[in-house]
Amino acid sequence: MIVVRPALADEVEALARLGLSAWCKGIKPLIPPEVALAVEQDNPFLPFLRDMRSKVLVAEVEGQAAGIGACEHADNTISDIWVAPAFEGRGAGSALVRALERQILERGYCEAHIEVAAANARALELYQRLGYRQLWRKVAFDAVLRTTLEKIGLARRLSPA
């Protein structure tokens, strides 16, 4: 059974490690090695989790934190879905997306948006399986990752349950 709940203050460091492990699998292979090393050393998930706190959702599988998700700007864009590699394929990502969609509906939006690196096939397949459709595809410089990446923007119409 998967439980989705707000992140707790005392688990920030563990969740930051979880986020970084997911990032290393999905994004690290797409960027220059020196940038990847800097990200791994700084772990940007730590300040993100400290700033966002309970606005970050945690998916638990069998009582263990399996993934995190957020709408960083409290709008209709899902900014983060990170599932620990050990828990991939067990429904944590889907549960996080659905929980964030409920929050988006509660904020009054009828459409959810998400971006994904085009080369992150596993994440792209998840979003498409959940009903997201491509809006755009572009190659652009990512200032945070200091590299050019091809990204895909997706959206899904939402309706109250």
C-alpha atoms as a PDB file:
ATOM      1  CA  MET A   1       0.000   0.000   0.000  1.00  0.00           C
ATOM      2  CA  ILE A   2       1.206   3.494  -0.846  1.00  0.00           C
ATOM      3  CA  VAL A   3       0.616   6.395   1.518  1.00  0.00           C
ATOM      4  CA  VAL A   4       1.187   9.994   0.410  1.00  0.00           C
ATOM      5  CA  ARG A   5       1.746  12.559   3.149  1.00  0.00           C
ATOM      6  CA  PRO A   6       3.494  15.887   3.774  1.00  0.00           C
ATOM      7  CA  ALA A   7       7.223  15.786   4.478  1.00  0.00           C
ATOM      8  CA  LEU A   8       8.287  16.097   8.102  1.00  0.00           C
ATOM      9  CA  ALA A   9      11.017  18.439   9.337  1.00  0.00           C
ATOM     10  CA  ASP A  10      13.037  15.633  10.906  1.00  0.00           C
ATOM     11  CA  GLU A  11      13.359  13.707   7.631  1.00  0.00           C
ATOM     12  CA  VAL A  12      14.814  16.465   5.438  1.00  0.00           C
ATOM     13  CA  GLU A  13      18.267  14.880   5.207  1.00  0.00           C
ATOM     14  CA  ALA A  14      16.935  11.411   4.369  1.00  0.00           C
ATOM     15  CA  LEU A  15      14.573  12.848   1.745  1.00  0.00           C
ATOM     16  CA  ALA A  16      17.426  14.904   0.262  1.00  0.00           C
ATOM     17  CA  ARG A  17      19.446  11.692  -0.150  1.00  0.00           C
ATOM     18  CA  LEU A  18      16.405  10.043  -1.757  1.00  0.00           C
ATOM     19  CA  GLY A  19      15.966  12.950  -4.181  1.00  0.00           C
ATOM     20  CA  LEU A  20      19.644  12.964  -5.077  1.00  0.00           C
ATOM     21  CA  SER A  21      19.656   9.205  -5.731  1.00  0.00           C
ATOM     22  CA  ALA A  22      16.726   9.631  -8.140  1.00  0.00           C
ATOM     23  CA  TRP A  23      18.422  12.629  -9.760  1.00  0.00           C
ATOM     24  CA  CYS A  24      21.645  10.647 -10.219  1.00  0.00           C
ATOM     25  CA  LYS A  25      19.798   7.934 -12.092  1.00  0.00           C
ATOM     26  CA  GLY A  26      17.594  10.157 -14.266  1.00  0.00           C
ATOM     27  CA  ILE A  27      19.505  13.399 -14.861  1.00  0.00           C
ATOM     28  CA  LYS A  28      23.185  12.881 -14.049  1.00  0.00           C
ATOM     29  CA  PRO A  29      23.883  10.945 -17.286  1.00  0.00           C
ATOM     30  CA  LEU A  30      22.576  13.912 -19.297  1.00  0.00           C
ATOM     31  CA  ILE A  31      24.898  16.613 -17.980  1.00  0.00           C
ATOM     32  CA  PRO A  32      28.634  17.376 -17.950  1.00  0.00           C
ATOM     33  CA  PRO A  33      30.597  15.412 -15.315  1.00  0.00           C
ATOM     34  CA  GLU A  34      31.862  18.538 -13.545  1.00  0.00           C
ATOM     35  CA  VAL A  35      28.297  19.810 -13.105  1.00  0.00           C
ATOM     36  CA  ALA A  36      27.137  16.427 -11.860  1.00  0.00           C
ATOM     37  CA  LEU A  37      29.954  16.379  -9.307  1.00  0.00           C
ATOM     38  CA  ALA A  38      29.019  19.846  -8.061  1.00  0.00           C
ATOM     39  CA  VAL A  39      25.343  18.860  -7.731  1.00  0.00           C
ATOM     40  CA  GLU A  40      26.248  15.696  -5.848  1.00  0.00           C
ATOM     41  CA  GLN A  41      28.518  17.618  -3.478  1.00  0.00           C
ATOM     42  CA  ASP A  42      26.002  20.425  -2.809  1.00  0.00           C
ATOM     43  CA  ASN A  43      22.828  18.290  -2.884  1.00  0.00           C
ATOM     44  CA  PRO A  44      20.317  20.992  -3.892  1.00  0.00           C
ATOM     45  CA  PHE A  45      17.543  18.863  -2.443  1.00  0.00           C
ATOM     46  CA  LEU A  46      18.602  19.960   1.076  1.00  0.00           C
ATOM     47  CA  PRO A  47      17.777  23.673   0.710  1.00  0.00           C
ATOM     48  CA  PHE A  48      14.748  22.821  -1.428  1.00  0.00           C
ATOM     49  CA  LEU A  49      13.311  20.568   1.290  1.00  0.00           C
ATOM     50  CA  ARG A  50      14.182  23.036   4.060  1.00  0.00           C
ATOM     51  CA  ASP A  51      12.420  25.852   2.200  1.00  0.00           C
ATOM     52  CA  MET A  52       9.404  23.856   1.070  1.00  0.00           C
ATOM     53  CA  ARG A  53       8.983  21.676   4.191  1.00  0.00           C
ATOM     54  CA  SER A  54       5.466  20.276   4.430  1.00  0.00           C
ATOM     55  CA  LYS A  55       4.630  21.497   0.910  1.00  0.00           C
ATOM     56  CA  VAL A  56       6.677  18.554  -0.344  1.00  0.00           C
ATOM     57  CA  LEU A  57       4.751  15.302  -0.504  1.00  0.00           C
ATOM     58  CA  VAL A  58       6.296  11.966   0.417  1.00  0.00           C
ATOM     59  CA  ALA A  59       5.160   8.642  -1.014  1.00  0.00           C
ATOM     60  CA  GLU A  60       5.696   5.766   1.391  1.00  0.00           C
ATOM     61  CA  VAL A  61       5.826   2.163   0.244  1.00  0.00           C
ATOM     62  CA  GLU A  62       5.546  -0.355   3.067  1.00  0.00           C
ATOM     63  CA  GLY A  63       6.351   2.400   5.571  1.00  0.00           C
ATOM     64  CA  GLN A  64       9.517   3.573   3.792  1.00  0.00           C
ATOM     65  CA  ALA A  65       9.949   6.900   2.014  1.00  0.00           C
ATOM     66  CA  ALA A  66      10.021   5.979  -1.667  1.00  0.00           C
ATOM     67  CA  GLY A  67       9.608   9.311  -3.442  1.00  0.00           C
ATOM     68  CA  ILE A  68       8.988  13.024  -3.153  1.00  0.00           C
ATOM     69  CA  GLY A  69       6.925  15.451  -5.201  1.00  0.00           C
ATOM     70  CA  ALA A  70       6.037  19.135  -5.199  1.00  0.00           C
ATOM     71  CA  CYS A  71       4.481  22.078  -6.965  1.00  0.00           C
ATOM     72  CA  GLU A  72       7.238  24.502  -6.024  1.00  0.00           C
ATOM     73  CA  HIS A  73       5.295  27.662  -6.864  1.00  0.00           C
ATOM     74  CA  ALA A  74       1.881  26.522  -5.570  1.00  0.00           C
ATOM     75  CA  ASP A  75       0.400  26.809  -9.049  1.00  0.00           C
ATOM     76  CA  ASN A  76      -0.589  24.178 -11.617  1.00  0.00           C
ATOM     77  CA  THR A  77       2.930  23.032 -12.472  1.00  0.00           C
ATOM     78  CA  ILE A  78       4.318  19.881 -10.921  1.00  0.00           C
ATOM     79  CA  SER A  79       7.944  20.883 -10.449  1.00  0.00           C
ATOM     80  CA  ASP A  80       9.324  17.761  -8.822  1.00  0.00           C
ATOM     81  CA  ILE A  81       8.722  14.026  -8.922  1.00  0.00           C
ATOM     82  CA  TRP A  82      11.660  12.001  -7.636  1.00  0.00           C
ATOM     83  CA  VAL A  83      11.407   8.286  -6.864  1.00  0.00           C
ATOM     84  CA  ALA A  84      14.285   6.363  -5.291  1.00  0.00           C
ATOM     85  CA  PRO A  85      15.648   3.798  -7.757  1.00  0.00           C
ATOM     86  CA  ALA A  86      14.903   0.935  -5.341  1.00  0.00           C
ATOM     87  CA  PHE A  87      11.190   1.842  -5.461  1.00  0.00           C
ATOM     88  CA  GLU A  88      10.736   2.464  -9.193  1.00  0.00           C
ATOM     89  CA  GLY A  89       7.820   0.651 -10.756  1.00  0.00           C
ATOM     90  CA  ARG A  90       5.930   0.242  -7.481  1.00  0.00           C
ATOM     91  CA  GLY A  91       3.446   3.098  -7.913  1.00  0.00           C
ATOM     92  CA  ALA A  92       5.096   5.841  -5.850  1.00  0.00           C
ATOM     93  CA  GLY A  93       5.492   8.217  -8.805  1.00  0.00           C
ATOM     94  CA  SER A  94       1.890   7.729  -9.911  1.00  0.00           C
ATOM     95  CA  ALA A  95       0.625   8.276  -6.368  1.00  0.00           C
ATOM     96  CA  LEU A  96       2.620  11.499  -6.049  1.00  0.00           C
ATOM     97  CA  VAL A  97       1.367  12.846  -9.388  1.00  0.00           C
ATOM     98  CA  ARG A  98      -2.254  12.086  -8.473  1.00  0.00           C
ATOM     99  CA  ALA A  99      -1.903  13.699  -5.029  1.00  0.00           C
ATOM    100  CA  LEU A 100      -0.369  16.822  -6.580  1.00  0.00           C
ATOM    101  CA  GLU A 101      -3.157  16.920  -9.162  1.00  0.00           C
ATOM    102  CA  ARG A 102      -5.693  16.987  -6.307  1.00  0.00           C
ATOM    103  CA  GLN A 103      -3.863  19.961  -4.812  1.00  0.00           C
ATOM    104  CA  ILE A 104      -3.846  21.699  -8.205  1.00  0.00           C
ATOM    105  CA  LEU A 105      -7.625  21.201  -8.469  1.00  0.00           C
ATOM    106  CA  GLU A 106      -8.075  22.583  -4.949  1.00  0.00           C
ATOM    107  CA  ARG A 107      -6.172  25.714  -6.043  1.00  0.00           C
ATOM    108  CA  GLY A 108      -8.777  26.195  -8.788  1.00  0.00           C
ATOM    109  CA  TYR A 109      -6.868  24.998 -11.841  1.00  0.00           C
ATOM    110  CA  CYS A 110      -8.334  22.552 -14.346  1.00  0.00           C
ATOM    111  CA  GLU A 111      -5.063  21.579 -16.003  1.00  0.00           C
ATOM    112  CA  ALA A 112      -1.762  20.266 -14.617  1.00  0.00           C
ATOM    113  CA  HIS A 113       1.613  20.865 -16.289  1.00  0.00           C
ATOM    114  CA  ILE A 114       4.960  19.129 -15.996  1.00  0.00           C
ATOM    115  CA  GLU A 115       8.327  19.292 -17.766  1.00  0.00           C
ATOM    116  CA  VAL A 116      10.697  16.396 -18.341  1.00  0.00           C
ATOM    117  CA  ALA A 117      14.074  15.929 -19.969  1.00  0.00           C
ATOM    118  CA  ALA A 118      13.351  14.243 -23.301  1.00  0.00           C
ATOM    119  CA  ALA A 119      16.066  11.669 -22.610  1.00  0.00           C
ATOM    120  CA  ASN A 120      14.466  10.683 -19.283  1.00  0.00           C
ATOM    121  CA  ALA A 121      12.378   7.998 -20.985  1.00  0.00           C
ATOM    122  CA  ARG A 122      11.155   6.345 -17.784  1.00  0.00           C
ATOM    123  CA  ALA A 123       9.667   9.578 -16.415  1.00  0.00           C
ATOM    124  CA  LEU A 124       8.216  10.554 -19.789  1.00  0.00           C
ATOM    125  CA  GLU A 125       6.521   7.158 -20.092  1.00  0.00           C
ATOM    126  CA  LEU A 126       5.028   7.537 -16.605  1.00  0.00           C
ATOM    127  CA  TYR A 127       3.513  10.932 -17.377  1.00  0.00           C
ATOM    128  CA  GLN A 128       2.130   9.750 -20.709  1.00  0.00           C
ATOM    129  CA  ARG A 129       0.640   6.650 -19.069  1.00  0.00           C
ATOM    130  CA  LEU A 130      -1.066   8.977 -16.562  1.00  0.00           C
ATOM    131  CA  GLY A 131      -2.705  10.883 -19.414  1.00  0.00           C
ATOM    132  CA  TYR A 132      -0.288  13.755 -19.985  1.00  0.00           C
ATOM    133  CA  ARG A 133       0.050  14.963 -23.562  1.00  0.00           C
ATOM    134  CA  GLN A 134       2.932  16.816 -25.127  1.00  0.00           C
ATOM    135  CA  LEU A 135       2.470  20.580 -25.521  1.00  0.00           C
ATOM    136  CA  TRP A 136       5.951  21.472 -26.672  1.00  0.00           C
ATOM    137  CA  ARG A 137       9.444  20.133 -27.189  1.00  0.00           C
ATOM    138  CA  LYS A 138      12.521  22.354 -27.239  1.00  0.00           C
ATOM    139  CA  VAL A 139      16.250  22.450 -26.736  1.00  0.00           C
ATOM    140  CA  ALA A 140      17.303  25.145 -24.301  1.00  0.00           C
ATOM    141  CA  PHE A 141      20.105  26.058 -21.942  1.00  0.00           C
ATOM    142  CA  ASP A 142      19.388  25.034 -18.345  1.00  0.00           C
ATOM    143  CA  ALA A 143      21.089  27.595 -16.103  1.00  0.00           C
ATOM    144  CA  VAL A 144      21.013  25.366 -13.026  1.00  0.00           C
ATOM    145  CA  LEU A 145      22.573  22.391 -14.813  1.00  0.00           C
ATOM    146  CA  ARG A 146      24.803  24.615 -16.964  1.00  0.00           C
ATOM    147  CA  THR A 147      24.073  22.606 -20.075  1.00  0.00           C
ATOM    148  CA  THR A 148      21.723  22.447 -23.031  1.00  0.00           C
ATOM    149  CA  LEU A 149      18.942  19.895 -22.676  1.00  0.00           C
ATOM    150  CA  GLU A 150      16.010  18.848 -24.778  1.00  0.00           C
ATOM    151  CA  LYS A 151      12.877  19.156 -22.667  1.00  0.00           C
ATOM    152  CA  ILE A 152       9.254  18.265 -23.189  1.00  0.00           C
ATOM    153  CA  GLY A 153       6.331  20.161 -21.673  1.00  0.00           C
ATOM    154  CA  LEU A 154       3.225  18.111 -20.963  1.00  0.00           C
ATOM    155  CA  ALA A 155      -0.263  18.837 -19.668  1.00  0.00           C
ATOM    156  CA  ARG A 156      -3.317  16.949 -18.500  1.00  0.00           C
ATOM    157  CA  ARG A 157      -6.885  18.219 -18.092  1.00  0.00           C
ATOM    158  CA  LEU A 158      -8.149  17.610 -14.583  1.00  0.00           C
ATOM    159  CA  SER A 159     -11.672  17.047 -13.417  1.00  0.00           C
ATOM    160  CA  PRO A 160     -13.024  16.784  -9.884  1.00  0.00           C
ATOM    161  CA  ALA A 161     -13.525  13.208  -8.722  1.00  0.00           C
END
